[in-house]
Amino acid sequence: MQTALITDLHAEEDFPLEYGVDAWKNWDILLKDIKKRNIKEIVFLGDIGSMNAHQRLFESMNELTFKYRLVLGNHDDFAEVTQTYQLEPISKKEAWYWSEESEVFKMIGLDTSTDAITQIQLDFLKREIQTGKDLILFIHHPVLQTNTIPQKEYPLEGADDIKEILLGHSGRVHIYCGHLHMDDVQTEANISQTITPASSLQLKKQSEKSEVDHIDFGYRILDFSNPILPSEVIWFKS
């Protein structure tokens, strides 16, 4: 089964608008392509946009009758998102974290909307990795170091704590994240980390400070039917 990974839309925010990016136009293009490929599942990896954008995003995904999952990024706010989208297991928590199992994988979502990982979520992660299945972690911020300027300027507090827990898992761990507005892959021991490009604009990996590279946009297709989890980025010209 194929899944679309989408991240960093930043709809109705000043940052992409400054560069002439129409986030909703990009979103419509992505959804049209996903429908054309008959993909029936979306994982949104955080940074929806302003609070005004929440309802439109959720309504558009509901209209597609797709299954979709969500994690929150540093441009999201748990209290604001849960005003728009009420999900019973989430609304009873203080952050947007969850787990789900398939025949082959255990999937975990963590909330890094505060640019930090909470102790409650670390304890949750410690419990959830007690499985013989390989793990898939959906999280907005990268956990492994990419040595890029955007990660150095906008790091995740507690990333090393997450990594230490994941290194203790007996099987393979696949991390899928966004945040850095680029395509990147890193590996360490049993962990592989794949960053999906933004659906708004991309940043340079190396510059004096975080700087826009280009305004092409894309999403990642992940194939869950294959245990090695092949994926590809679908790019669109702005």
C-alpha atoms as a PDB file:
ATOM      1  CA  MET A   1       0.000   0.000   0.000  1.00  0.00           C
ATOM      2  CA  GLN A   2       1.285   3.430  -0.924  1.00  0.00           C
ATOM      3  CA  THR A   3       1.157   6.369   1.460  1.00  0.00           C
ATOM      4  CA  ALA A   4       1.705  10.045   0.674  1.00  0.00           C
ATOM      5  CA  LEU A   5       3.918  11.959   3.105  1.00  0.00           C
ATOM      6  CA  ILE A   6       3.239  15.713   3.043  1.00  0.00           C
ATOM      7  CA  THR A   7       4.869  18.311   5.244  1.00  0.00           C
ATOM      8  CA  ASP A   8       5.430  22.022   5.869  1.00  0.00           C
ATOM      9  CA  LEU A   9       2.528  23.534   3.959  1.00  0.00           C
ATOM     10  CA  HIS A  10       2.646  26.776   6.005  1.00  0.00           C
ATOM     11  CA  ALA A  11      -0.705  27.852   4.569  1.00  0.00           C
ATOM     12  CA  GLU A  12      -1.711  31.464   5.158  1.00  0.00           C
ATOM     13  CA  GLU A  13       1.642  32.312   6.754  1.00  0.00           C
ATOM     14  CA  ASP A  14       3.761  35.325   5.776  1.00  0.00           C
ATOM     15  CA  PHE A  15       6.975  33.350   5.241  1.00  0.00           C
ATOM     16  CA  PRO A  16       6.023  31.519   2.001  1.00  0.00           C
ATOM     17  CA  LEU A  17       3.950  34.465   0.789  1.00  0.00           C
ATOM     18  CA  GLU A  18       7.083  36.636   0.835  1.00  0.00           C
ATOM     19  CA  TYR A  19       8.492  34.387  -1.905  1.00  0.00           C
ATOM     20  CA  GLY A  20       5.326  34.280  -3.989  1.00  0.00           C
ATOM     21  CA  VAL A  21       4.290  30.815  -2.818  1.00  0.00           C
ATOM     22  CA  ASP A  22       0.566  30.060  -2.982  1.00  0.00           C
ATOM     23  CA  ALA A  23       0.345  27.249  -0.431  1.00  0.00           C
ATOM     24  CA  TRP A  24      -3.279  26.341  -1.236  1.00  0.00           C
ATOM     25  CA  LYS A  25      -2.495  26.119  -4.935  1.00  0.00           C
ATOM     26  CA  ASN A  26       0.358  23.744  -4.075  1.00  0.00           C
ATOM     27  CA  TRP A  27      -1.949  21.741  -1.809  1.00  0.00           C
ATOM     28  CA  ASP A  28      -4.540  21.323  -4.589  1.00  0.00           C
ATOM     29  CA  ILE A  29      -1.817  20.178  -6.999  1.00  0.00           C
ATOM     30  CA  LEU A  30      -0.537  17.615  -4.497  1.00  0.00           C
ATOM     31  CA  LEU A  31      -4.001  16.229  -3.772  1.00  0.00           C
ATOM     32  CA  LYS A  32      -4.808  16.001  -7.482  1.00  0.00           C
ATOM     33  CA  ASP A  33      -1.615  14.019  -8.087  1.00  0.00           C
ATOM     34  CA  ILE A  34      -2.300  11.737  -5.116  1.00  0.00           C
ATOM     35  CA  LYS A  35      -5.801  11.009  -6.430  1.00  0.00           C
ATOM     36  CA  LYS A  36      -4.437  10.319  -9.926  1.00  0.00           C
ATOM     37  CA  ARG A  37      -2.020   7.750  -8.489  1.00  0.00           C
ATOM     38  CA  ASN A  38      -4.872   6.134  -6.525  1.00  0.00           C
ATOM     39  CA  ILE A  39      -3.068   6.620  -3.213  1.00  0.00           C
ATOM     40  CA  LYS A  40      -5.537   6.202  -0.377  1.00  0.00           C
ATOM     41  CA  GLU A  41      -3.548   7.307   2.648  1.00  0.00           C
ATOM     42  CA  ILE A  42      -1.833  10.525   3.741  1.00  0.00           C
ATOM     43  CA  VAL A  43       0.499  11.227   6.644  1.00  0.00           C
ATOM     44  CA  PHE A  44       0.874  14.952   7.281  1.00  0.00           C
ATOM     45  CA  LEU A  45       4.189  15.613   9.022  1.00  0.00           C
ATOM     46  CA  GLY A  46       3.451  18.971  10.578  1.00  0.00           C
ATOM     47  CA  ASP A  47       3.385  22.745  10.046  1.00  0.00           C
ATOM     48  CA  ILE A  48      -0.120  23.136   8.670  1.00  0.00           C
ATOM     49  CA  GLY A  49      -0.061  26.924   8.733  1.00  0.00           C
ATOM     50  CA  SER A  50      -1.991  29.608  10.561  1.00  0.00           C
ATOM     51  CA  MET A  51      -4.980  28.714  12.734  1.00  0.00           C
ATOM     52  CA  ASN A  52      -7.261  29.944   9.930  1.00  0.00           C
ATOM     53  CA  ALA A  53      -5.857  27.203   7.663  1.00  0.00           C
ATOM     54  CA  HIS A  54      -6.792  24.264   9.881  1.00  0.00           C
ATOM     55  CA  GLN A  55     -10.418  23.870   8.895  1.00  0.00           C
ATOM     56  CA  ARG A  56      -9.725  24.049   5.157  1.00  0.00           C
ATOM     57  CA  LEU A  57      -6.980  21.423   5.376  1.00  0.00           C
ATOM     58  CA  PHE A  58      -9.069  18.942   7.362  1.00  0.00           C
ATOM     59  CA  GLU A  59     -12.153  19.487   5.222  1.00  0.00           C
ATOM     60  CA  SER A  60     -10.201  18.893   2.017  1.00  0.00           C
ATOM     61  CA  MET A  61      -8.804  15.601   3.319  1.00  0.00           C
ATOM     62  CA  ASN A  62     -12.194  14.499   4.631  1.00  0.00           C
ATOM     63  CA  GLU A  63     -13.727  15.121   1.201  1.00  0.00           C
ATOM     64  CA  LEU A  64     -11.255  12.651  -0.311  1.00  0.00           C
ATOM     65  CA  THR A  65     -12.380   9.898   2.089  1.00  0.00           C
ATOM     66  CA  PHE A  66      -8.687   9.081   2.538  1.00  0.00           C
ATOM     67  CA  LYS A  67      -7.270   7.678   5.708  1.00  0.00           C
ATOM     68  CA  TYR A  68      -4.954  10.291   7.127  1.00  0.00           C
ATOM     69  CA  ARG A  69      -2.706  10.635  10.123  1.00  0.00           C
ATOM     70  CA  LEU A  70      -1.091  13.742  11.542  1.00  0.00           C
ATOM     71  CA  VAL A  71       1.815  14.859  13.677  1.00  0.00           C
ATOM     72  CA  LEU A  72       2.341  18.433  14.817  1.00  0.00           C
ATOM     73  CA  GLY A  73       5.296  20.674  14.015  1.00  0.00           C
ATOM     74  CA  ASN A  74       6.740  23.813  15.529  1.00  0.00           C
ATOM     75  CA  HIS A  75       4.310  26.045  13.592  1.00  0.00           C
ATOM     76  CA  ASP A  76       1.348  24.123  15.039  1.00  0.00           C
ATOM     77  CA  ASP A  77      -0.321  24.501  18.403  1.00  0.00           C
ATOM     78  CA  PHE A  78      -1.976  21.522  20.086  1.00  0.00           C
ATOM     79  CA  ALA A  79      -4.788  23.567  21.628  1.00  0.00           C
ATOM     80  CA  GLU A  80      -5.553  25.311  18.321  1.00  0.00           C
ATOM     81  CA  VAL A  81      -5.505  22.159  16.193  1.00  0.00           C
ATOM     82  CA  THR A  82      -7.736  20.253  18.596  1.00  0.00           C
ATOM     83  CA  GLN A  83     -10.299  23.064  18.423  1.00  0.00           C
ATOM     84  CA  THR A  84     -10.745  22.253  14.739  1.00  0.00           C
ATOM     85  CA  TYR A  85     -10.088  18.521  14.613  1.00  0.00           C
ATOM     86  CA  GLN A  86     -11.460  16.436  17.459  1.00  0.00           C
ATOM     87  CA  LEU A  87      -9.869  12.991  17.601  1.00  0.00           C
ATOM     88  CA  GLU A  88     -10.969  11.068  20.678  1.00  0.00           C
ATOM     89  CA  PRO A  89      -7.638   9.394  21.633  1.00  0.00           C
ATOM     90  CA  ILE A  90      -5.792  12.689  21.084  1.00  0.00           C
ATOM     91  CA  SER A  91      -8.170  15.136  22.757  1.00  0.00           C
ATOM     92  CA  LYS A  92      -7.740  13.306  26.071  1.00  0.00           C
ATOM     93  CA  LYS A  93      -3.973  13.921  25.991  1.00  0.00           C
ATOM     94  CA  GLU A  94      -1.795  16.993  26.383  1.00  0.00           C
ATOM     95  CA  ALA A  95       0.039  16.432  23.078  1.00  0.00           C
ATOM     96  CA  TRP A  96      -0.621  14.782  19.702  1.00  0.00           C
ATOM     97  CA  TYR A  97       1.071  11.379  20.089  1.00  0.00           C
ATOM     98  CA  TRP A  98      -0.259   7.989  19.044  1.00  0.00           C
ATOM     99  CA  SER A  99       0.636   4.458  17.927  1.00  0.00           C
ATOM    100  CA  GLU A 100      -0.840   1.990  15.471  1.00  0.00           C
ATOM    101  CA  GLU A 101       0.169  -1.475  14.252  1.00  0.00           C
ATOM    102  CA  SER A 102       0.092  -3.237  10.898  1.00  0.00           C
ATOM    103  CA  GLU A 103       1.030  -6.830  10.205  1.00  0.00           C
ATOM    104  CA  VAL A 104       4.666  -5.852   9.652  1.00  0.00           C
ATOM    105  CA  PHE A 105       5.284  -2.508  11.377  1.00  0.00           C
ATOM    106  CA  LYS A 106       4.476  -0.597  14.516  1.00  0.00           C
ATOM    107  CA  MET A 107       3.838   3.063  13.696  1.00  0.00           C
ATOM    108  CA  ILE A 108       4.348   5.822  16.250  1.00  0.00           C
ATOM    109  CA  GLY A 109       3.603   9.536  15.981  1.00  0.00           C
ATOM    110  CA  LEU A 110       5.150  12.138  18.293  1.00  0.00           C
ATOM    111  CA  ASP A 111       4.308  15.801  18.867  1.00  0.00           C
ATOM    112  CA  THR A 112       7.181  18.318  18.679  1.00  0.00           C
ATOM    113  CA  SER A 113       5.071  21.466  18.366  1.00  0.00           C
ATOM    114  CA  THR A 114       6.963  23.076  21.267  1.00  0.00           C
ATOM    115  CA  ASP A 115      10.388  22.406  19.650  1.00  0.00           C
ATOM    116  CA  ALA A 116      10.946  19.864  22.426  1.00  0.00           C
ATOM    117  CA  ILE A 117       9.922  16.347  23.324  1.00  0.00           C
ATOM    118  CA  THR A 118       8.083  15.968  26.612  1.00  0.00           C
ATOM    119  CA  GLN A 119       8.928  13.394  29.261  1.00  0.00           C
ATOM    120  CA  ILE A 120       5.426  11.947  28.921  1.00  0.00           C
ATOM    121  CA  GLN A 121       6.124  11.234  25.250  1.00  0.00           C
ATOM    122  CA  LEU A 122       9.549   9.760  26.019  1.00  0.00           C
ATOM    123  CA  ASP A 123       7.932   7.399  28.512  1.00  0.00           C
ATOM    124  CA  PHE A 124       5.283   6.557  25.901  1.00  0.00           C
ATOM    125  CA  LEU A 125       8.004   5.810  23.341  1.00  0.00           C
ATOM    126  CA  LYS A 126       9.859   3.547  25.777  1.00  0.00           C
ATOM    127  CA  ARG A 127       6.698   1.484  26.228  1.00  0.00           C
ATOM    128  CA  GLU A 128       5.773   1.388  22.570  1.00  0.00           C
ATOM    129  CA  ILE A 129       9.138   0.076  21.329  1.00  0.00           C
ATOM    130  CA  GLN A 130       8.615  -3.119  23.319  1.00  0.00           C
ATOM    131  CA  THR A 131       7.665  -5.051  20.200  1.00  0.00           C
ATOM    132  CA  GLY A 132       9.265  -7.524  17.846  1.00  0.00           C
ATOM    133  CA  LYS A 133       8.111  -5.508  14.838  1.00  0.00           C
ATOM    134  CA  ASP A 134      10.175  -2.922  13.012  1.00  0.00           C
ATOM    135  CA  LEU A 135       9.260   0.637  13.961  1.00  0.00           C
ATOM    136  CA  ILE A 136       8.112   3.579  11.870  1.00  0.00           C
ATOM    137  CA  LEU A 137       8.344   6.917  13.659  1.00  0.00           C
ATOM    138  CA  PHE A 138       6.490   9.912  12.226  1.00  0.00           C
ATOM    139  CA  ILE A 139       7.797  13.142  13.728  1.00  0.00           C
ATOM    140  CA  HIS A 140       8.142  16.696  12.440  1.00  0.00           C
ATOM    141  CA  HIS A 141      11.729  17.401  13.543  1.00  0.00           C
ATOM    142  CA  PRO A 142      14.655  15.192  12.542  1.00  0.00           C
ATOM    143  CA  VAL A 143      16.160  13.074  15.302  1.00  0.00           C
ATOM    144  CA  LEU A 144      19.513  12.202  13.716  1.00  0.00           C
ATOM    145  CA  GLN A 145      21.967  14.998  12.970  1.00  0.00           C
ATOM    146  CA  THR A 146      22.016  16.204   9.357  1.00  0.00           C
ATOM    147  CA  ASN A 147      24.744  18.832   9.819  1.00  0.00           C
ATOM    148  CA  THR A 148      22.606  21.331   7.936  1.00  0.00           C
ATOM    149  CA  ILE A 149      22.143  24.974   8.854  1.00  0.00           C
ATOM    150  CA  PRO A 150      18.343  24.789   9.318  1.00  0.00           C
ATOM    151  CA  GLN A 151      18.694  21.968  11.851  1.00  0.00           C
ATOM    152  CA  LYS A 152      21.433  23.827  13.716  1.00  0.00           C
ATOM    153  CA  GLU A 153      19.287  26.974  13.877  1.00  0.00           C
ATOM    154  CA  TYR A 154      16.012  25.200  14.697  1.00  0.00           C
ATOM    155  CA  PRO A 155      16.917  22.040  16.633  1.00  0.00           C
ATOM    156  CA  LEU A 156      14.680  19.705  18.615  1.00  0.00           C
ATOM    157  CA  GLU A 157      15.313  19.730  22.337  1.00  0.00           C
ATOM    158  CA  GLY A 158      15.495  16.114  23.479  1.00  0.00           C
ATOM    159  CA  ALA A 159      16.397  14.642  20.066  1.00  0.00           C
ATOM    160  CA  ASP A 160      19.278  12.691  21.620  1.00  0.00           C
ATOM    161  CA  ASP A 161      16.893  11.242  24.209  1.00  0.00           C
ATOM    162  CA  ILE A 162      14.658   9.946  21.420  1.00  0.00           C
ATOM    163  CA  LYS A 163      17.663   8.516  19.595  1.00  0.00           C
ATOM    164  CA  GLU A 164      18.906   6.706  22.693  1.00  0.00           C
ATOM    165  CA  ILE A 165      15.526   5.026  23.125  1.00  0.00           C
ATOM    166  CA  LEU A 166      15.347   4.017  19.458  1.00  0.00           C
ATOM    167  CA  LEU A 167      18.881   2.601  19.512  1.00  0.00           C
ATOM    168  CA  GLY A 168      17.639   0.224  22.199  1.00  0.00           C
ATOM    169  CA  HIS A 169      15.025  -1.304  19.912  1.00  0.00           C
ATOM    170  CA  SER A 170      15.850  -4.833  18.749  1.00  0.00           C
ATOM    171  CA  GLY A 171      14.725  -4.247  15.160  1.00  0.00           C
ATOM    172  CA  ARG A 172      14.974  -1.601  12.498  1.00  0.00           C
ATOM    173  CA  VAL A 173      13.668   1.921  13.037  1.00  0.00           C
ATOM    174  CA  HIS A 174      12.505   4.126  10.150  1.00  0.00           C
ATOM    175  CA  ILE A 175      12.052   7.828  10.918  1.00  0.00           C
ATOM    176  CA  TYR A 176      10.031  10.024   8.548  1.00  0.00           C
ATOM    177  CA  CYS A 177      10.089  13.753   9.207  1.00  0.00           C
ATOM    178  CA  GLY A 178      10.014  17.225   7.660  1.00  0.00           C
ATOM    179  CA  HIS A 179      10.923  20.589   9.239  1.00  0.00           C
ATOM    180  CA  LEU A 180      14.125  21.231   7.261  1.00  0.00           C
ATOM    181  CA  HIS A 181      12.444  21.950   3.892  1.00  0.00           C
ATOM    182  CA  MET A 182      14.734  19.616   1.957  1.00  0.00           C
ATOM    183  CA  ASP A 183      15.267  16.032   0.823  1.00  0.00           C
ATOM    184  CA  ASP A 184      17.737  14.193   3.043  1.00  0.00           C
ATOM    185  CA  VAL A 185      18.558  10.670   4.264  1.00  0.00           C
ATOM    186  CA  GLN A 186      20.696   9.738   7.276  1.00  0.00           C
ATOM    187  CA  THR A 187      21.461   6.425   8.968  1.00  0.00           C
ATOM    188  CA  GLU A 188      22.947   5.445  12.312  1.00  0.00           C
ATOM    189  CA  ALA A 189      23.107   1.867  13.623  1.00  0.00           C
ATOM    190  CA  ASN A 190      19.558   0.438  13.358  1.00  0.00           C
ATOM    191  CA  ILE A 191      17.986   3.833  12.535  1.00  0.00           C
ATOM    192  CA  SER A 192      17.285   5.317   9.117  1.00  0.00           C
ATOM    193  CA  GLN A 193      15.923   8.852   8.819  1.00  0.00           C
ATOM    194  CA  THR A 194      14.212  10.228   5.718  1.00  0.00           C
ATOM    195  CA  ILE A 195      13.286  13.897   5.440  1.00  0.00           C
ATOM    196  CA  THR A 196      10.515  14.853   3.028  1.00  0.00           C
ATOM    197  CA  PRO A 197      10.746  18.159   1.126  1.00  0.00           C
ATOM    198  CA  ALA A 198       8.271  20.884   1.995  1.00  0.00           C
ATOM    199  CA  SER A 199       5.051  21.445   0.105  1.00  0.00           C
ATOM    200  CA  SER A 200       5.803  25.191   0.236  1.00  0.00           C
ATOM    201  CA  LEU A 201       9.483  26.015  -0.474  1.00  0.00           C
ATOM    202  CA  GLN A 202      12.940  24.519   0.102  1.00  0.00           C
ATOM    203  CA  LEU A 203      15.910  25.717   2.172  1.00  0.00           C
ATOM    204  CA  LYS A 204      19.623  25.473   1.462  1.00  0.00           C
ATOM    205  CA  LYS A 205      21.508  22.786   3.354  1.00  0.00           C
ATOM    206  CA  GLN A 206      24.575  24.980   3.792  1.00  0.00           C
ATOM    207  CA  SER A 207      24.604  28.785   4.018  1.00  0.00           C
ATOM    208  CA  GLU A 208      25.537  31.419   6.576  1.00  0.00           C
ATOM    209  CA  LYS A 209      22.003  31.200   7.975  1.00  0.00           C
ATOM    210  CA  SER A 210      18.753  29.507   6.968  1.00  0.00           C
ATOM    211  CA  GLU A 211      18.085  30.696   3.436  1.00  0.00           C
ATOM    212  CA  VAL A 212      15.569  29.794   0.727  1.00  0.00           C
ATOM    213  CA  ASP A 213      17.032  27.588  -1.990  1.00  0.00           C
ATOM    214  CA  HIS A 214      14.076  27.413  -4.402  1.00  0.00           C
ATOM    215  CA  ILE A 215      10.273  27.401  -4.405  1.00  0.00           C
ATOM    216  CA  ASP A 216       9.669  24.078  -6.131  1.00  0.00           C
ATOM    217  CA  PHE A 217       7.612  21.786  -3.911  1.00  0.00           C
ATOM    218  CA  GLY A 218       6.796  18.129  -3.503  1.00  0.00           C
ATOM    219  CA  TYR A 219       5.755  15.170  -1.420  1.00  0.00           C
ATOM    220  CA  ARG A 220       7.028  11.648  -0.799  1.00  0.00           C
ATOM    221  CA  ILE A 221       5.387   8.368  -1.786  1.00  0.00           C
ATOM    222  CA  LEU A 222       6.149   5.578   0.691  1.00  0.00           C
ATOM    223  CA  ASP A 223       5.402   1.950  -0.206  1.00  0.00           C
ATOM    224  CA  PHE A 224       4.270   0.006   2.863  1.00  0.00           C
ATOM    225  CA  SER A 225       3.738  -3.171   0.845  1.00  0.00           C
ATOM    226  CA  ASN A 226       7.510  -3.658   0.610  1.00  0.00           C
ATOM    227  CA  PRO A 227       9.311  -4.385   3.928  1.00  0.00           C
ATOM    228  CA  ILE A 228      12.340  -2.343   2.818  1.00  0.00           C
ATOM    229  CA  LEU A 229      10.012   0.695   2.484  1.00  0.00           C
ATOM    230  CA  PRO A 230      11.080   2.149  -0.874  1.00  0.00           C
ATOM    231  CA  SER A 231      10.074   5.756  -1.411  1.00  0.00           C
ATOM    232  CA  GLU A 232      10.366   8.531  -3.965  1.00  0.00           C
ATOM    233  CA  VAL A 233       9.867  12.279  -3.977  1.00  0.00           C
ATOM    234  CA  ILE A 234       7.434  13.726  -6.503  1.00  0.00           C
ATOM    235  CA  TRP A 235       8.514  17.251  -7.423  1.00  0.00           C
ATOM    236  CA  PHE A 236       6.516  20.098  -8.952  1.00  0.00           C
ATOM    237  CA  LYS A 237       7.802  23.327 -10.492  1.00  0.00           C
ATOM    238  CA  SER A 238       6.389  26.541  -9.086  1.00  0.00           C
END
